[in-house]
Amino acid sequence: MRALASEEVDKAQPVLTCLEETFDSQAECDAARLVVRCMYEGGLAEEVKDPLTLARMCSVAKRWASSSITTSCLQRLIELPPSQLPPEQLVLVLQTLPDSFDLLPEHKKWQKLLNSLLGQFGDVHAVITSAQLRTTFQQLPFAAAQQWAGSDTLTVDSENSVVELISLWMAGPGGQACSQEQKKQLSCLVRVQHLSPAL
């Protein structure tokens, strides 16, 4: 009888599956804690305003298929003043954001903000002549480099300068990691009719 009772207790106990999650850094682990906090509190804490933390939270929330938290983090990023996203910080945020978040409704607002932030690289001659801007530009992920090259607001002395910067980007980490198709898309944005024969 005791054995039967013990068997029944064992059957009644649900089997709990242990899910393991691995993070690459302490910062990503901290972002995951903030995402869990969002889940329990039903929203993003008011004090979370660091752009890189928000980007990491976006990435973790995307991994955990929590679209509402991804949306909240992206919305908070959009609301940040541009002064909080200088070139170096912007690059880190763009490298951290998940690639497939472009289906969110806030994506268009983010793209608009990104256009204005990429204006920091809008003067092509200034980027070419400034070692710091050049290095930062080279770190841009493909989507940002593509958006930059397709902008109608670039200030150029000649289209050759645009080719020079695209070549510089392709030699950097983002360019070396991108596919042949992406490189082709980028080169298609060069206004060939404005190139100098000297190139």
Protein backbone atom coordinates (compact mmCIF):
# COMPACT_ATOMS: atom_id res chain seq x y z
CA MET A 1 0.00 0.00 0.00
CA ARG A 2 2.81 2.34 0.93
CA ALA A 3 4.57 1.52 -2.34
CA LEU A 4 1.39 2.26 -4.30
CA ALA A 5 0.94 5.60 -2.52
CA SER A 6 4.54 6.47 -3.24
CA GLU A 7 4.01 5.60 -6.92
CA GLU A 8 0.94 7.85 -7.09
CA VAL A 9 2.86 10.76 -5.55
CA ASP A 10 5.63 10.28 -8.11
CA LYS A 11 3.07 10.31 -10.94
CA ALA A 12 1.45 13.46 -9.61
CA GLN A 13 4.74 15.40 -9.60
CA PRO A 14 5.11 17.36 -12.85
CA VAL A 15 8.41 16.97 -14.62
CA LEU A 16 10.08 20.37 -14.75
CA THR A 17 12.29 20.98 -17.72
CA CYS A 18 15.42 22.97 -16.97
CA LEU A 19 16.18 25.50 -19.68
CA GLU A 20 19.70 26.79 -19.86
CA GLU A 21 20.58 30.15 -21.37
CA THR A 22 24.14 31.21 -22.13
CA PHE A 23 25.29 34.81 -22.33
CA ASP A 24 28.52 36.12 -23.82
CA SER A 25 29.21 38.77 -21.20
CA GLN A 26 28.24 40.10 -17.79
CA ALA A 27 26.61 43.10 -19.51
CA GLU A 28 24.34 40.79 -21.55
CA CYS A 29 23.50 38.84 -18.38
CA ASP A 30 22.55 42.12 -16.64
CA ALA A 31 20.36 43.01 -19.63
CA ALA A 32 18.62 39.63 -19.30
CA ARG A 33 17.90 40.39 -15.63
CA LEU A 34 16.33 43.70 -16.69
CA VAL A 35 14.20 41.87 -19.28
CA VAL A 36 12.97 39.44 -16.58
CA ARG A 37 12.23 42.43 -14.36
CA CYS A 38 10.17 43.94 -17.22
CA MET A 39 8.21 40.70 -17.49
CA TYR A 40 7.34 40.75 -13.79
CA GLU A 41 6.66 44.48 -13.51
CA GLY A 42 4.77 44.71 -16.79
CA GLY A 43 6.93 47.46 -18.28
CA LEU A 44 10.33 49.02 -18.71
CA ALA A 45 11.79 50.63 -15.58
CA GLU A 46 12.01 54.41 -15.82
CA GLU A 47 15.69 54.52 -14.89
CA VAL A 48 16.81 52.35 -17.86
CA LYS A 49 18.08 54.99 -20.27
CA ASP A 50 21.54 53.82 -21.32
CA PRO A 51 21.44 53.25 -25.12
CA LEU A 52 23.70 50.20 -25.07
CA THR A 53 21.75 48.57 -22.23
CA LEU A 54 18.51 49.15 -24.18
CA ALA A 55 20.07 47.60 -27.30
CA ARG A 56 21.21 44.55 -25.28
CA MET A 57 17.72 44.23 -23.78
CA CYS A 58 16.26 44.37 -27.32
CA SER A 59 18.57 41.53 -28.32
CA VAL A 60 17.69 39.35 -25.29
CA ALA A 61 13.95 40.07 -25.63
CA LYS A 62 14.16 39.10 -29.30
CA ARG A 63 15.83 35.80 -28.33
CA TRP A 64 13.02 35.15 -25.85
CA ALA A 65 10.32 36.13 -28.37
CA SER A 66 9.05 38.96 -26.18
CA SER A 67 7.94 41.47 -28.81
CA SER A 68 6.37 43.85 -26.26
CA ILE A 69 9.69 44.32 -24.43
CA THR A 70 11.60 44.64 -27.71
CA THR A 71 9.11 47.35 -28.73
CA SER A 72 9.43 49.16 -25.37
CA CYS A 73 13.25 49.17 -25.56
CA LEU A 74 13.25 50.42 -29.13
CA GLN A 75 10.72 53.13 -28.25
CA ARG A 76 12.94 54.27 -25.36
CA LEU A 77 15.95 54.36 -27.73
CA ILE A 78 13.99 56.54 -30.16
CA GLU A 79 13.10 58.97 -27.36
CA LEU A 80 16.72 59.47 -26.26
CA PRO A 81 18.27 62.85 -27.11
CA PRO A 82 20.80 62.60 -30.00
CA SER A 83 23.54 63.77 -27.59
CA GLN A 84 23.33 60.33 -25.94
CA LEU A 85 24.22 58.65 -29.23
CA PRO A 86 27.57 60.08 -30.36
CA PRO A 87 29.27 58.17 -33.25
CA GLU A 88 31.11 55.61 -31.09
CA GLN A 89 28.03 54.85 -28.97
CA LEU A 90 25.80 54.69 -32.06
CA VAL A 91 28.09 52.09 -33.62
CA LEU A 92 27.96 49.89 -30.49
CA VAL A 93 24.15 50.18 -30.38
CA LEU A 94 23.83 49.25 -34.07
CA GLN A 95 26.15 46.28 -33.64
CA THR A 96 24.12 45.06 -30.64
CA LEU A 97 20.56 45.46 -31.97
CA PRO A 98 19.08 42.26 -33.44
CA ASP A 99 19.08 42.08 -37.25
CA SER A 100 15.43 41.11 -37.59
CA PHE A 101 13.72 43.84 -35.58
CA ASP A 102 12.72 45.75 -38.72
CA LEU A 103 9.19 44.31 -38.64
CA LEU A 104 8.28 46.26 -35.50
CA PRO A 105 6.00 49.30 -35.97
CA GLU A 106 8.64 51.53 -34.29
CA HIS A 107 11.23 50.55 -36.89
CA LYS A 108 10.31 53.43 -39.22
CA LYS A 109 10.77 55.95 -36.39
CA TRP A 110 14.12 54.36 -35.57
CA GLN A 111 15.15 54.57 -39.24
CA LYS A 112 14.27 58.27 -39.25
CA LEU A 113 16.36 58.85 -36.12
CA LEU A 114 19.17 56.75 -37.58
CA ASN A 115 19.18 58.92 -40.70
CA SER A 116 19.75 62.02 -38.60
CA LEU A 117 22.40 60.27 -36.46
CA LEU A 118 24.23 59.07 -39.58
CA GLY A 119 24.40 62.74 -40.52
CA GLN A 120 27.51 62.72 -38.33
CA PHE A 121 29.15 61.02 -41.31
CA GLY A 122 27.32 63.21 -43.85
CA ASP A 123 30.30 65.37 -44.74
CA VAL A 124 32.32 62.80 -46.70
CA HIS A 125 35.44 64.99 -46.86
CA ALA A 126 35.38 65.44 -43.05
CA VAL A 127 35.17 61.66 -42.53
CA ILE A 128 38.05 61.04 -44.95
CA THR A 129 40.27 63.63 -43.25
CA SER A 130 39.46 62.68 -39.64
CA ALA A 131 41.15 59.49 -38.42
CA GLN A 132 38.65 59.14 -35.55
CA LEU A 133 35.56 59.53 -37.77
CA ARG A 134 37.08 57.18 -40.36
CA THR A 135 37.70 54.47 -37.74
CA THR A 136 34.20 54.86 -36.30
CA PHE A 137 32.65 54.82 -39.79
CA GLN A 138 34.47 51.58 -40.56
CA GLN A 139 32.76 49.92 -37.56
CA LEU A 140 29.22 50.56 -38.87
CA PRO A 141 27.19 47.40 -39.55
CA PHE A 142 26.03 46.75 -43.12
CA ALA A 143 22.48 48.14 -42.70
CA ALA A 144 23.83 51.48 -41.44
CA ALA A 145 26.51 51.70 -44.15
CA GLN A 146 23.83 50.99 -46.76
CA GLN A 147 21.55 53.65 -45.33
CA TRP A 148 24.45 56.13 -45.29
CA ALA A 149 25.46 55.41 -48.91
CA GLY A 150 21.85 55.79 -50.09
CA SER A 151 21.32 59.14 -48.38
CA ASP A 152 20.49 62.16 -50.52
CA THR A 153 21.99 64.52 -47.95
CA LEU A 154 25.66 63.51 -48.28
CA THR A 155 28.04 66.46 -48.72
CA VAL A 156 30.66 65.42 -51.26
CA ASP A 157 33.33 67.14 -53.30
CA SER A 158 33.09 64.27 -55.80
CA GLU A 159 31.50 60.84 -56.03
CA ASN A 160 35.04 59.43 -55.94
CA SER A 161 35.12 60.29 -52.22
CA VAL A 162 32.03 58.14 -51.66
CA VAL A 163 33.76 55.23 -53.43
CA GLU A 164 36.82 55.81 -51.23
CA LEU A 165 34.72 55.63 -48.06
CA ILE A 166 32.77 52.56 -49.21
CA SER A 167 36.10 50.84 -50.01
CA LEU A 168 37.37 51.83 -46.56
CA TRP A 169 34.21 50.37 -44.95
CA MET A 170 34.58 47.14 -46.96
CA ALA A 171 38.13 46.74 -45.64
CA GLY A 172 36.84 47.00 -42.05
CA PRO A 173 35.17 44.34 -39.86
CA GLY A 174 31.64 45.03 -41.15
CA GLY A 175 32.73 44.87 -44.78
CA GLN A 176 34.74 41.70 -44.33
CA ALA A 177 31.81 39.99 -42.61
CA CYS A 178 29.19 40.91 -45.22
CA SER A 179 28.22 38.76 -48.20
CA GLN A 180 29.00 39.34 -51.88
CA GLU A 181 25.34 40.22 -52.40
CA GLN A 182 25.52 42.92 -49.71
CA LYS A 183 28.70 44.34 -51.24
CA LYS A 184 26.92 44.44 -54.60
CA GLN A 185 23.95 46.29 -53.04
CA LEU A 186 26.33 48.84 -51.55
CA SER A 187 28.25 49.43 -54.78
CA CYS A 188 24.93 49.90 -56.64
CA LEU A 189 24.37 53.05 -54.54
CA VAL A 190 27.40 54.79 -56.09
CA ARG A 191 26.28 57.42 -58.61
CA VAL A 192 28.46 56.12 -61.44
CA GLN A 193 27.58 59.01 -63.77
CA HIS A 194 29.27 61.42 -61.32
CA LEU A 195 32.54 59.51 -61.02
CA SER A 196 35.69 61.19 -62.25
CA PRO A 197 37.64 59.34 -65.01
CA ALA A 198 40.69 59.61 -62.73
CA LEU A 199 39.21 56.90 -60.51
